Amino acid sequence: MSALIWIIYVAVIIIWIAGLWMMFQKADRPGWAAIIPIYNIYTMCKIAGRPGWWWVLWLIPIVNIVIGLIVAIDLAKSYARGTGFGVGLFFLPFIFAPIIGFGEDRYMGPAAA
């Protein structure tokens, strides 16, 4: 049973990364940024229209939850999705990032700008 769980886990991670990759490419950012730790957070902040230095705030406990939620909502709005989708993107990114990445959503520009 353990092998099956690992296979499912790896499949979910691969789908999540592929969704992020496509999401970044739709925003004219390099897709490979999805696999680079910290740089992917920086890229998400830039796509959402937030300052790039906000990745530092993700390192502070409690503050990272608030910043993560703000960036997720702005990221959803940047792809013409609503606040509810942004909350979903925050809590279940492995489901909602591929929806944006593989769906017909288009990047509309930074939501916070």
PDB file of N, CA and C in Angstrom:
ATOM      1  N   MET A   1       0.817  -1.190   0.000  1.00  0.00           N
ATOM      2  CA  MET A   1       0.000   0.000   0.000  1.00  0.00           C
ATOM      3  C   MET A   1       0.861   1.253   0.000  1.00  0.00           C
ATOM      4  N   SER A   2       1.982   1.186   0.605  1.00  0.00           N
ATOM      5  CA  SER A   2       2.867   2.342   0.687  1.00  0.00           C
ATOM      6  C   SER A   2       3.341   2.808  -0.691  1.00  0.00           C
ATOM      7  N   ALA A   3       3.620   1.867  -1.580  1.00  0.00           N
ATOM      8  CA  ALA A   3       4.071   2.228  -2.926  1.00  0.00           C
ATOM      9  C   ALA A   3       2.982   2.964  -3.688  1.00  0.00           C
ATOM     10  N   LEU A   4       1.738   2.554  -3.514  1.00  0.00           N
ATOM     11  CA  LEU A   4       0.621   3.213  -4.188  1.00  0.00           C
ATOM     12  C   LEU A   4       0.478   4.658  -3.706  1.00  0.00           C
ATOM     13  N   ILE A   5       0.634   4.861  -2.420  1.00  0.00           N
ATOM     14  CA  ILE A   5       0.549   6.218  -1.870  1.00  0.00           C
ATOM     15  C   ILE A   5       1.654   7.098  -2.441  1.00  0.00           C
ATOM     16  N   TRP A   6       2.854   6.560  -2.546  1.00  0.00           N
ATOM     17  CA  TRP A   6       3.966   7.335  -3.115  1.00  0.00           C
ATOM     18  C   TRP A   6       3.734   7.658  -4.587  1.00  0.00           C
ATOM     19  N   ILE A   7       3.186   6.728  -5.324  1.00  0.00           N
ATOM     20  CA  ILE A   7       2.901   6.967  -6.742  1.00  0.00           C
ATOM     21  C   ILE A   7       1.866   8.080  -6.886  1.00  0.00           C
ATOM     22  N   ILE A   8       0.810   8.046  -6.076  1.00  0.00           N
ATOM     23  CA  ILE A   8      -0.216   9.094  -6.117  1.00  0.00           C
ATOM     24  C   ILE A   8       0.381  10.435  -5.720  1.00  0.00           C
ATOM     25  N   TYR A   9       1.200  10.437  -4.674  1.00  0.00           N
ATOM     26  CA  TYR A   9       1.851  11.660  -4.203  1.00  0.00           C
ATOM     27  C   TYR A   9       2.719  12.282  -5.299  1.00  0.00           C
ATOM     28  N   VAL A  10       3.537  11.496  -5.938  1.00  0.00           N
ATOM     29  CA  VAL A  10       4.411  11.992  -7.004  1.00  0.00           C
ATOM     30  C   VAL A  10       3.583  12.488  -8.191  1.00  0.00           C
ATOM     31  N   ALA A  11       2.505  11.789  -8.523  1.00  0.00           N
ATOM     32  CA  ALA A  11       1.639  12.214  -9.632  1.00  0.00           C
ATOM     33  C   ALA A  11       1.004  13.572  -9.331  1.00  0.00           C
ATOM     34  N   VAL A  12       0.540  13.769  -8.104  1.00  0.00           N
ATOM     35  CA  VAL A  12      -0.066  15.050  -7.723  1.00  0.00           C
ATOM     36  C   VAL A  12       0.969  16.169  -7.803  1.00  0.00           C
ATOM     37  N   ILE A  13       2.183  15.924  -7.325  1.00  0.00           N
ATOM     38  CA  ILE A  13       3.242  16.940  -7.373  1.00  0.00           C
ATOM     39  C   ILE A  13       3.588  17.285  -8.824  1.00  0.00           C
ATOM     40  N   ILE A  14       3.677  16.298  -9.685  1.00  0.00           N
ATOM     41  CA  ILE A  14       3.999  16.544 -11.094  1.00  0.00           C
ATOM     42  C   ILE A  14       2.892  17.357 -11.768  1.00  0.00           C
ATOM     43  N   ILE A  15       1.640  17.042 -11.483  1.00  0.00           N
ATOM     44  CA  ILE A  15       0.524  17.793 -12.058  1.00  0.00           C
ATOM     45  C   ILE A  15       0.527  19.231 -11.541  1.00  0.00           C
ATOM     46  N   TRP A  16       0.826  19.415 -10.263  1.00  0.00           N
ATOM     47  CA  TRP A  16       0.882  20.748  -9.664  1.00  0.00           C
ATOM     48  C   TRP A  16       1.987  21.576 -10.324  1.00  0.00           C
ATOM     49  N   ILE A  17       3.176  21.004 -10.452  1.00  0.00           N
ATOM     50  CA  ILE A  17       4.295  21.721 -11.076  1.00  0.00           C
ATOM     51  C   ILE A  17       3.980  22.038 -12.532  1.00  0.00           C
ATOM     52  N   ALA A  18       3.387  21.097 -13.240  1.00  0.00           N
ATOM     53  CA  ALA A  18       3.020  21.346 -14.645  1.00  0.00           C
ATOM     54  C   ALA A  18       1.991  22.468 -14.742  1.00  0.00           C
ATOM     55  N   GLY A  19       1.041  22.507 -13.814  1.00  0.00           N
ATOM     56  CA  GLY A  19       0.051  23.585 -13.794  1.00  0.00           C
ATOM     57  C   GLY A  19       0.689  24.931 -13.535  1.00  0.00           C
ATOM     58  N   LEU A  20       1.613  24.980 -12.569  1.00  0.00           N
ATOM     59  CA  LEU A  20       2.347  26.222 -12.309  1.00  0.00           C
ATOM     60  C   LEU A  20       3.166  26.642 -13.522  1.00  0.00           C
ATOM     61  N   TRP A  21       3.821  25.680 -14.150  1.00  0.00           N
ATOM     62  CA  TRP A  21       4.639  25.945 -15.340  1.00  0.00           C
ATOM     63  C   TRP A  21       3.796  26.627 -16.415  1.00  0.00           C
ATOM     64  N   MET A  22       2.627  26.043 -16.687  1.00  0.00           N
ATOM     65  CA  MET A  22       1.742  26.607 -17.709  1.00  0.00           C
ATOM     66  C   MET A  22       1.188  27.966 -17.282  1.00  0.00           C
ATOM     67  N   MET A  23       0.906  28.108 -15.999  1.00  0.00           N
ATOM     68  CA  MET A  23       0.398  29.372 -15.477  1.00  0.00           C
ATOM     69  C   MET A  23       1.435  30.475 -15.656  1.00  0.00           C
ATOM     70  N   PHE A  24       2.698  30.159 -15.384  1.00  0.00           N
ATOM     71  CA  PHE A  24       3.779  31.131 -15.555  1.00  0.00           C
ATOM     72  C   PHE A  24       3.945  31.490 -17.023  1.00  0.00           C
ATOM     73  N   GLN A  25       3.865  30.499 -17.892  1.00  0.00           N
ATOM     74  CA  GLN A  25       4.031  30.764 -19.325  1.00  0.00           C
ATOM     75  C   GLN A  25       2.908  31.646 -19.864  1.00  0.00           C
ATOM     76  N   LYS A  26       1.697  31.478 -19.352  1.00  0.00           N
ATOM     77  CA  LYS A  26       0.595  32.329 -19.787  1.00  0.00           C
ATOM     78  C   LYS A  26       0.835  33.787 -19.416  1.00  0.00           C
ATOM     79  N   ALA A  27       1.610  34.016 -18.371  1.00  0.00           N
ATOM     80  CA  ALA A  27       1.916  35.374 -17.928  1.00  0.00           C
ATOM     81  C   ALA A  27       3.239  35.867 -18.519  1.00  0.00           C
ATOM     82  N   ASP A  28       3.732  35.200 -19.543  1.00  0.00           N
ATOM     83  CA  ASP A  28       4.998  35.546 -20.196  1.00  0.00           C
ATOM     84  C   ASP A  28       6.188  35.533 -19.229  1.00  0.00           C
ATOM     85  N   ARG A  29       6.157  34.579 -18.341  1.00  0.00           N
ATOM     86  CA  ARG A  29       7.274  34.333 -17.418  1.00  0.00           C
ATOM     87  C   ARG A  29       7.860  32.972 -17.787  1.00  0.00           C
ATOM     88  N   PRO A  30       9.109  32.725 -17.423  1.00  0.00           N
ATOM     89  CA  PRO A  30       9.681  31.417 -17.759  1.00  0.00           C
ATOM     90  C   PRO A  30       8.991  30.287 -16.986  1.00  0.00           C
ATOM     91  N   GLY A  31       8.614  29.249 -17.685  1.00  0.00           N
ATOM     92  CA  GLY A  31       7.940  28.124 -17.059  1.00  0.00           C
ATOM     93  C   GLY A  31       8.821  27.400 -16.061  1.00  0.00           C
ATOM     94  N   TRP A  32      10.123  27.354 -16.337  1.00  0.00           N
ATOM     95  CA  TRP A  32      11.037  26.650 -15.431  1.00  0.00           C
ATOM     96  C   TRP A  32      11.088  27.293 -14.051  1.00  0.00           C
ATOM     97  N   ALA A  33      10.572  28.506 -13.914  1.00  0.00           N
ATOM     98  CA  ALA A  33      10.552  29.168 -12.606  1.00  0.00           C
ATOM     99  C   ALA A  33       9.696  28.387 -11.606  1.00  0.00           C
ATOM    100  N   ALA A  34       8.801  27.559 -12.101  1.00  0.00           N
ATOM    101  CA  ALA A  34       7.933  26.771 -11.222  1.00  0.00           C
ATOM    102  C   ALA A  34       8.705  25.746 -10.403  1.00  0.00           C
ATOM    103  N   ILE A  35       9.878  25.345 -10.864  1.00  0.00           N
ATOM    104  CA  ILE A  35      10.619  24.297 -10.156  1.00  0.00           C
ATOM    105  C   ILE A  35      11.780  24.834  -9.316  1.00  0.00           C
ATOM    106  N   ILE A  36      11.969  26.154  -9.311  1.00  0.00           N
ATOM    107  CA  ILE A  36      13.057  26.752  -8.536  1.00  0.00           C
ATOM    108  C   ILE A  36      12.487  27.315  -7.231  1.00  0.00           C
ATOM    109  N   PRO A  37      12.876  26.736  -6.090  1.00  0.00           N
ATOM    110  CA  PRO A  37      12.359  27.250  -4.819  1.00  0.00           C
ATOM    111  C   PRO A  37      12.710  28.731  -4.635  1.00  0.00           C
ATOM    112  N   ILE A  38      11.865  29.441  -3.998  1.00  0.00           N
ATOM    113  CA  ILE A  38      11.933  30.868  -3.714  1.00  0.00           C
ATOM    114  C   ILE A  38      11.725  31.701  -4.978  1.00  0.00           C
ATOM    115  N   TYR A  39      12.363  31.332  -6.085  1.00  0.00           N
ATOM    116  CA  TYR A  39      12.141  32.081  -7.323  1.00  0.00           C
ATOM    117  C   TYR A  39      10.707  31.899  -7.803  1.00  0.00           C
ATOM    118  N   ASN A  40      10.109  30.735  -7.549  1.00  0.00           N
ATOM    119  CA  ASN A  40       8.710  30.552  -7.947  1.00  0.00           C
ATOM    120  C   ASN A  40       7.785  31.446  -7.124  1.00  0.00           C
ATOM    121  N   ILE A  41       8.108  31.672  -5.868  1.00  0.00           N
ATOM    122  CA  ILE A  41       7.318  32.583  -5.040  1.00  0.00           C
ATOM    123  C   ILE A  41       7.498  34.015  -5.536  1.00  0.00           C
ATOM    124  N   TYR A  42       8.734  34.383  -5.855  1.00  0.00           N
ATOM    125  CA  TYR A  42       9.020  35.703  -6.426  1.00  0.00           C
ATOM    126  C   TYR A  42       8.216  35.907  -7.709  1.00  0.00           C
ATOM    127  N   THR A  43       8.197  34.899  -8.570  1.00  0.00           N
ATOM    128  CA  THR A  43       7.472  34.984  -9.842  1.00  0.00           C
ATOM    129  C   THR A  43       5.977  35.106  -9.605  1.00  0.00           C
ATOM    130  N   MET A  44       5.435  34.357  -8.652  1.00  0.00           N
ATOM    131  CA  MET A  44       4.009  34.475  -8.347  1.00  0.00           C
ATOM    132  C   MET A  44       3.669  35.877  -7.851  1.00  0.00           C
ATOM    133  N   CYS A  45       4.538  36.451  -7.020  1.00  0.00           N
ATOM    134  CA  CYS A  45       4.314  37.814  -6.544  1.00  0.00           C
ATOM    135  C   CYS A  45       4.295  38.798  -7.708  1.00  0.00           C
ATOM    136  N   LYS A  46       5.222  38.658  -8.635  1.00  0.00           N
ATOM    137  CA  LYS A  46       5.279  39.562  -9.786  1.00  0.00           C
ATOM    138  C   LYS A  46       4.052  39.401 -10.686  1.00  0.00           C
ATOM    139  N   ILE A  47       3.610  38.168 -10.912  1.00  0.00           N
ATOM    140  CA  ILE A  47       2.417  37.931 -11.730  1.00  0.00           C
ATOM    141  C   ILE A  47       1.191  38.543 -11.064  1.00  0.00           C
ATOM    142  N   ALA A  48       1.122  38.452  -9.750  1.00  0.00           N
ATOM    143  CA  ALA A  48      -0.020  38.983  -9.006  1.00  0.00           C
ATOM    144  C   ALA A  48       0.035  40.499  -8.873  1.00  0.00           C
ATOM    145  N   GLY A  49       1.144  41.111  -9.262  1.00  0.00           N
ATOM    146  CA  GLY A  49       1.267  42.558  -9.170  1.00  0.00           C
ATOM    147  C   GLY A  49       1.788  43.046  -7.836  1.00  0.00           C
ATOM    148  N   ARG A  50       2.334  42.172  -7.071  1.00  0.00           N
ATOM    149  CA  ARG A  50       2.912  42.533  -5.772  1.00  0.00           C
ATOM    150  C   ARG A  50       4.426  42.695  -5.920  1.00  0.00           C
ATOM    151  N   PRO A  51       5.055  43.431  -5.011  1.00  0.00           N
ATOM    152  CA  PRO A  51       6.515  43.604  -5.102  1.00  0.00           C
ATOM    153  C   PRO A  51       7.239  42.268  -4.970  1.00  0.00           C
ATOM    154  N   GLY A  52       8.325  42.125  -5.699  1.00  0.00           N
ATOM    155  CA  GLY A  52       9.094  40.884  -5.675  1.00  0.00           C
ATOM    156  C   GLY A  52       9.697  40.568  -4.327  1.00  0.00           C
ATOM    157  N   TRP A  53       9.956  41.590  -3.512  1.00  0.00           N
ATOM    158  CA  TRP A  53      10.585  41.351  -2.203  1.00  0.00           C
ATOM    159  C   TRP A  53       9.621  40.701  -1.219  1.00  0.00           C
ATOM    160  N   TRP A  54       8.343  40.559  -1.594  1.00  0.00           N
ATOM    161  CA  TRP A  54       7.383  39.913  -0.699  1.00  0.00           C
ATOM    162  C   TRP A  54       7.735  38.462  -0.428  1.00  0.00           C
ATOM    163  N   TRP A  55       8.623  37.861  -1.249  1.00  0.00           N
ATOM    164  CA  TRP A  55       9.003  36.468  -0.978  1.00  0.00           C
ATOM    165  C   TRP A  55       9.650  36.362   0.393  1.00  0.00           C
ATOM    166  N   VAL A  56      10.275  37.453   0.865  1.00  0.00           N
ATOM    167  CA  VAL A  56      10.915  37.452   2.185  1.00  0.00           C
ATOM    168  C   VAL A  56       9.854  37.295   3.280  1.00  0.00           C
ATOM    169  N   LEU A  57       8.688  37.896   3.060  1.00  0.00           N
ATOM    170  CA  LEU A  57       7.618  37.814   4.051  1.00  0.00           C
ATOM    171  C   LEU A  57       7.088  36.394   4.204  1.00  0.00           C
ATOM    172  N   TRP A  58       7.297  35.563   3.186  1.00  0.00           N
ATOM    173  CA  TRP A  58       6.865  34.159   3.267  1.00  0.00           C
ATOM    174  C   TRP A  58       7.718  33.373   4.263  1.00  0.00           C
ATOM    175  N   LEU A  59       8.835  33.933   4.695  1.00  0.00           N
ATOM    176  CA  LEU A  59       9.719  33.251   5.641  1.00  0.00           C
ATOM    177  C   LEU A  59       9.341  33.532   7.098  1.00  0.00           C
ATOM    178  N   ILE A  60       8.425  34.491   7.319  1.00  0.00           N
ATOM    179  CA  ILE A  60       8.028  34.881   8.674  1.00  0.00           C
ATOM    180  C   ILE A  60       6.760  34.117   9.067  1.00  0.00           C
ATOM    181  N   PRO A  61       6.827  33.351  10.149  1.00  0.00           N
ATOM    182  CA  PRO A  61       5.638  32.597  10.578  1.00  0.00           C
ATOM    183  C   PRO A  61       4.439  33.517  10.826  1.00  0.00           C
ATOM    184  N   ILE A  62       3.265  33.047  10.570  1.00  0.00           N
ATOM    185  CA  ILE A  62       1.985  33.732  10.666  1.00  0.00           C
ATOM    186  C   ILE A  62       1.826  34.759   9.537  1.00  0.00           C
ATOM    187  N   VAL A  63       2.831  35.589   9.329  1.00  0.00           N
ATOM    188  CA  VAL A  63       2.779  36.581   8.247  1.00  0.00           C
ATOM    189  C   VAL A  63       2.685  35.865   6.905  1.00  0.00           C
ATOM    190  N   ASN A  64       3.372  34.717   6.781  1.00  0.00           N
ATOM    191  CA  ASN A  64       3.348  33.989   5.515  1.00  0.00           C
ATOM    192  C   ASN A  64       1.948  33.512   5.145  1.00  0.00           C
ATOM    193  N   ILE A  65       1.112  33.249   6.125  1.00  0.00           N
ATOM    194  CA  ILE A  65      -0.256  32.828   5.841  1.00  0.00           C
ATOM    195  C   ILE A  65      -1.037  33.987   5.220  1.00  0.00           C
ATOM    196  N   VAL A  66      -0.912  35.166   5.806  1.00  0.00           N
ATOM    197  CA  VAL A  66      -1.618  36.344   5.298  1.00  0.00           C
ATOM    198  C   VAL A  66      -1.108  36.713   3.906  1.00  0.00           C
ATOM    199  N   ILE A  67       0.217  36.756   3.743  1.00  0.00           N
ATOM    200  CA  ILE A  67       0.812  37.111   2.450  1.00  0.00           C
ATOM    201  C   ILE A  67       0.437  36.064   1.395  1.00  0.00           C
ATOM    202  N   GLY A  68       0.484  34.799   1.765  1.00  0.00           N
ATOM    203  CA  GLY A  68       0.125  33.732   0.830  1.00  0.00           C
ATOM    204  C   GLY A  68      -1.315  33.860   0.352  1.00  0.00           C
ATOM    205  N   LEU A  69      -2.217  34.209   1.262  1.00  0.00           N
ATOM    206  CA  LEU A  69      -3.619  34.382   0.898  1.00  0.00           C
ATOM    207  C   LEU A  69      -3.801  35.594  -0.017  1.00  0.00           C
ATOM    208  N   ILE A  70      -3.139  36.694   0.303  1.00  0.00           N
ATOM    209  CA  ILE A  70      -3.231  37.901  -0.536  1.00  0.00           C
ATOM    210  C   ILE A  70      -2.715  37.621  -1.935  1.00  0.00           C
ATOM    211  N   VAL A  71      -1.554  36.978  -2.026  1.00  0.00           N
ATOM    212  CA  VAL A  71      -0.966  36.687  -3.340  1.00  0.00           C
ATOM    213  C   VAL A  71      -1.850  35.700  -4.115  1.00  0.00           C
ATOM    214  N   ALA A  72      -2.407  34.701  -3.445  1.00  0.00           N
ATOM    215  CA  ALA A  72      -3.271  33.730  -4.129  1.00  0.00           C
ATOM    216  C   ALA A  72      -4.517  34.405  -4.694  1.00  0.00           C
ATOM    217  N   ILE A  73      -5.134  35.299  -3.922  1.00  0.00           N
ATOM    218  CA  ILE A  73      -6.321  36.007  -4.401  1.00  0.00           C
ATOM    219  C   ILE A  73      -5.963  36.920  -5.569  1.00  0.00           C
ATOM    220  N   ASP A  74      -4.844  37.650  -5.448  1.00  0.00           N
ATOM    221  CA  ASP A  74      -4.410  38.518  -6.553  1.00  0.00           C
ATOM    222  C   ASP A  74      -4.022  37.713  -7.788  1.00  0.00           C
ATOM    223  N   LEU A  75      -3.450  36.554  -7.567  1.00  0.00           N
ATOM    224  CA  LEU A  75      -3.088  35.677  -8.685  1.00  0.00           C
ATOM    225  C   LEU A  75      -4.347  35.217  -9.420  1.00  0.00           C
ATOM    226  N   ALA A  76      -5.368  34.832  -8.676  1.00  0.00           N
ATOM    227  CA  ALA A  76      -6.632  34.429  -9.294  1.00  0.00           C
ATOM    228  C   ALA A  76      -7.256  35.588 -10.057  1.00  0.00           C
ATOM    229  N   LYS A  77      -7.226  36.785  -9.493  1.00  0.00           N
ATOM    230  CA  LYS A  77      -7.787  37.959 -10.164  1.00  0.00           C
ATOM    231  C   LYS A  77      -6.992  38.316 -11.413  1.00  0.00           C
ATOM    232  N   SER A  78      -5.702  38.014 -11.416  1.00  0.00           N
ATOM    233  CA  SER A  78      -4.877  38.273 -12.597  1.00  0.00           C
ATOM    234  C   SER A  78      -5.275  37.384 -13.769  1.00  0.00           C
ATOM    235  N   TYR A  79      -5.928  36.284 -13.476  1.00  0.00           N
ATOM    236  CA  TYR A  79      -6.418  35.380 -14.517  1.00  0.00           C
ATOM    237  C   TYR A  79      -7.933  35.458 -14.642  1.00  0.00           C
ATOM    238  N   ALA A  80      -8.511  36.583 -14.222  1.00  0.00           N
ATOM    239  CA  ALA A  80      -9.953  36.856 -14.322  1.00  0.00           C
ATOM    240  C   ALA A  80     -10.794  35.862 -13.531  1.00  0.00           C
ATOM    241  N   ARG A  81     -10.283  35.412 -12.427  1.00  0.00           N
ATOM    242  CA  ARG A  81     -11.035  34.545 -11.522  1.00  0.00           C
ATOM    243  C   ARG A  81     -11.389  35.356 -10.277  1.00  0.00           C
ATOM    244  N   GLY A  82     -12.303  34.851  -9.489  1.00  0.00           N
ATOM    245  CA  GLY A  82     -12.779  35.573  -8.323  1.00  0.00           C
ATOM    246  C   GLY A  82     -11.999  35.280  -7.055  1.00  0.00           C
ATOM    247  N   THR A  83     -12.457  35.922  -5.978  1.00  0.00           N
ATOM    248  CA  THR A  83     -11.827  35.750  -4.673  1.00  0.00           C
ATOM    249  C   THR A  83     -11.954  34.318  -4.176  1.00  0.00           C
ATOM    250  N   GLY A  84     -13.092  33.700  -4.406  1.00  0.00           N
ATOM    251  CA  GLY A  84     -13.293  32.309  -3.985  1.00  0.00           C
ATOM    252  C   GLY A  84     -12.291  31.371  -4.629  1.00  0.00           C
ATOM    253  N   PHE A  85     -12.004  31.614  -5.909  1.00  0.00           N
ATOM    254  CA  PHE A  85     -11.010  30.799  -6.595  1.00  0.00           C
ATOM    255  C   PHE A  85      -9.628  31.044  -5.984  1.00  0.00           C
ATOM    256  N   GLY A  86      -9.363  32.299  -5.597  1.00  0.00           N
ATOM    257  CA  GLY A  86      -8.090  32.622  -4.949  1.00  0.00           C
ATOM    258  C   GLY A  86      -7.925  31.910  -3.623  1.00  0.00           C
ATOM    259  N   VAL A  87      -9.007  31.815  -2.865  1.00  0.00           N
ATOM    260  CA  VAL A  87      -8.961  31.079  -1.593  1.00  0.00           C
ATOM    261  C   VAL A  87      -8.708  29.601  -1.877  1.00  0.00           C
ATOM    262  N   GLY A  88      -9.347  29.080  -2.909  1.00  0.00           N
ATOM    263  CA  GLY A  88      -9.087  27.697  -3.310  1.00  0.00           C
ATOM    264  C   GLY A  88      -7.650  27.499  -3.741  1.00  0.00           C
ATOM    265  N   LEU A  89      -7.107  28.488  -4.437  1.00  0.00           N
ATOM    266  CA  LEU A  89      -5.708  28.430  -4.871  1.00  0.00           C
ATOM    267  C   LEU A  89      -4.761  28.423  -3.678  1.00  0.00           C
ATOM    268  N   PHE A  90      -5.162  29.087  -2.611  1.00  0.00           N
ATOM    269  CA  PHE A  90      -4.351  29.110  -1.392  1.00  0.00           C
ATOM    270  C   PHE A  90      -4.403  27.773  -0.655  1.00  0.00           C
ATOM    271  N   PHE A  91      -5.612  27.232  -0.481  1.00  0.00           N
ATOM    272  CA  PHE A  91      -5.768  26.015   0.309  1.00  0.00           C
ATOM    273  C   PHE A  91      -5.512  24.726  -0.475  1.00  0.00           C
ATOM    274  N   LEU A  92      -5.825  24.717  -1.757  1.00  0.00           N
ATOM    275  CA  LEU A  92      -5.647  23.519  -2.587  1.00  0.00           C
ATOM    276  C   LEU A  92      -4.920  23.881  -3.882  1.00  0.00           C
ATOM    277  N   PRO A  93      -3.678  24.331  -3.780  1.00  0.00           N
ATOM    278  CA  PRO A  93      -2.977  24.777  -4.992  1.00  0.00           C
ATOM    279  C   PRO A  93      -2.739  23.665  -6.001  1.00  0.00           C
ATOM    280  N   PHE A  94      -2.642  22.432  -5.542  1.00  0.00           N
ATOM    281  CA  PHE A  94      -2.401  21.311  -6.453  1.00  0.00           C
ATOM    282  C   PHE A  94      -3.628  20.991  -7.301  1.00  0.00           C
ATOM    283  N   ILE A  95      -4.779  21.564  -6.966  1.00  0.00           N
ATOM    284  CA  ILE A  95      -5.980  21.416  -7.783  1.00  0.00           C
ATOM    285  C   ILE A  95      -6.219  22.674  -8.623  1.00  0.00           C
ATOM    286  N   PHE A  96      -6.107  23.843  -7.994  1.00  0.00           N
ATOM    287  CA  PHE A  96      -6.485  25.083  -8.652  1.00  0.00           C
ATOM    288  C   PHE A  96      -5.413  25.631  -9.595  1.00  0.00           C
ATOM    289  N   ALA A  97      -4.143  25.395  -9.332  1.00  0.00           N
ATOM    290  CA  ALA A  97      -3.092  25.848 -10.264  1.00  0.00           C
ATOM    291  C   ALA A  97      -3.199  25.133 -11.613  1.00  0.00           C
ATOM    292  N   PRO A  98      -3.402  23.808 -11.645  1.00  0.00           N
ATOM    293  CA  PRO A  98      -3.598  23.161 -12.948  1.00  0.00           C
ATOM    294  C   PRO A  98      -4.870  23.616 -13.671  1.00  0.00           C
ATOM    295  N   ILE A  99      -5.897  24.008 -12.921  1.00  0.00           N
ATOM    296  CA  ILE A  99      -7.110  24.515 -13.571  1.00  0.00           C
ATOM    297  C   ILE A  99      -6.780  25.773 -14.366  1.00  0.00           C
ATOM    298  N   ILE A 100      -5.996  26.666 -13.773  1.00  0.00           N
ATOM    299  CA  ILE A 100      -5.587  27.878 -14.493  1.00  0.00           C
ATOM    300  C   ILE A 100      -4.597  27.528 -15.596  1.00  0.00           C
ATOM    301  N   GLY A 101      -3.615  26.699 -15.268  1.00  0.00           N
ATOM    302  CA  GLY A 101      -2.555  26.374 -16.216  1.00  0.00           C
ATOM    303  C   GLY A 101      -3.031  25.648 -17.452  1.00  0.00           C
ATOM    304  N   PHE A 102      -3.893  24.666 -17.277  1.00  0.00           N
ATOM    305  CA  PHE A 102      -4.342  23.865 -18.411  1.00  0.00           C
ATOM    306  C   PHE A 102      -5.688  24.324 -18.972  1.00  0.00           C
ATOM    307  N   GLY A 103      -6.349  25.243 -18.256  1.00  0.00           N
ATOM    308  CA  GLY A 103      -7.644  25.738 -18.712  1.00  0.00           C
ATOM    309  C   GLY A 103      -7.491  26.819 -19.773  1.00  0.00           C
ATOM    310  N   GLU A 104      -8.602  27.421 -20.092  1.00  0.00           N
ATOM    311  CA  GLU A 104      -8.616  28.454 -21.119  1.00  0.00           C
ATOM    312  C   GLU A 104      -8.429  29.855 -20.537  1.00  0.00           C
ATOM    313  N   ASP A 105      -8.050  29.942 -19.261  1.00  0.00           N
ATOM    314  CA  ASP A 105      -7.839  31.235 -18.625  1.00  0.00           C
ATOM    315  C   ASP A 105      -6.698  31.979 -19.294  1.00  0.00           C
ATOM    316  N   ARG A 106      -6.871  33.285 -19.423  1.00  0.00           N
ATOM    317  CA  ARG A 106      -5.823  34.131 -19.999  1.00  0.00           C
ATOM    318  C   ARG A 106      -5.346  35.098 -18.932  1.00  0.00           C
ATOM    319  N   TYR A 107      -4.083  35.432 -18.996  1.00  0.00           N
ATOM    320  CA  TYR A 107      -3.509  36.384 -18.065  1.00  0.00           C
ATOM    321  C   TYR A 107      -3.979  37.784 -18.442  1.00  0.00           C
ATOM    322  N   MET A 108      -4.625  38.465 -17.513  1.00  0.00           N
ATOM    323  CA  MET A 108      -5.192  39.780 -17.769  1.00  0.00           C
ATOM    324  C   MET A 108      -4.312  40.912 -17.262  1.00  0.00           C
ATOM    325  N   GLY A 109      -3.227  40.580 -16.610  1.00  0.00           N
ATOM    326  CA  GLY A 109      -2.344  41.600 -16.040  1.00  0.00           C
ATOM    327  C   GLY A 109      -2.418  41.548 -14.522  1.00  0.00           C
ATOM    328  N   PRO A 110      -1.496  42.214 -13.893  1.00  0.00           N
ATOM    329  CA  PRO A 110      -1.454  42.182 -12.427  1.00  0.00           C
ATOM    330  C   PRO A 110      -2.728  42.732 -11.811  1.00  0.00           C
ATOM    331  N   ALA A 111      -3.265  42.018 -10.851  1.00  0.00           N
ATOM    332  CA  ALA A 111      -4.502  42.428 -10.208  1.00  0.00           C
ATOM    333  C   ALA A 111      -4.267  43.581  -9.238  1.00  0.00           C
ATOM    334  N   ALA A 112      -3.116  43.617  -8.614  1.00  0.00           N
ATOM    335  CA  ALA A 112      -2.855  44.620  -7.577  1.00  0.00           C
ATOM    336  C   ALA A 112      -2.299  45.926  -8.157  1.00  0.00           C
ATOM    337  N   ALA A 113      -2.005  45.947  -9.449  1.00  0.00           N
ATOM    338  CA  ALA A 113      -1.409  47.164 -10.032  1.00  0.00           C
ATOM    339  C   ALA A 113      -2.448  48.254 -10.206  1.00  0.00           C
TER     340      ALA A 113
END
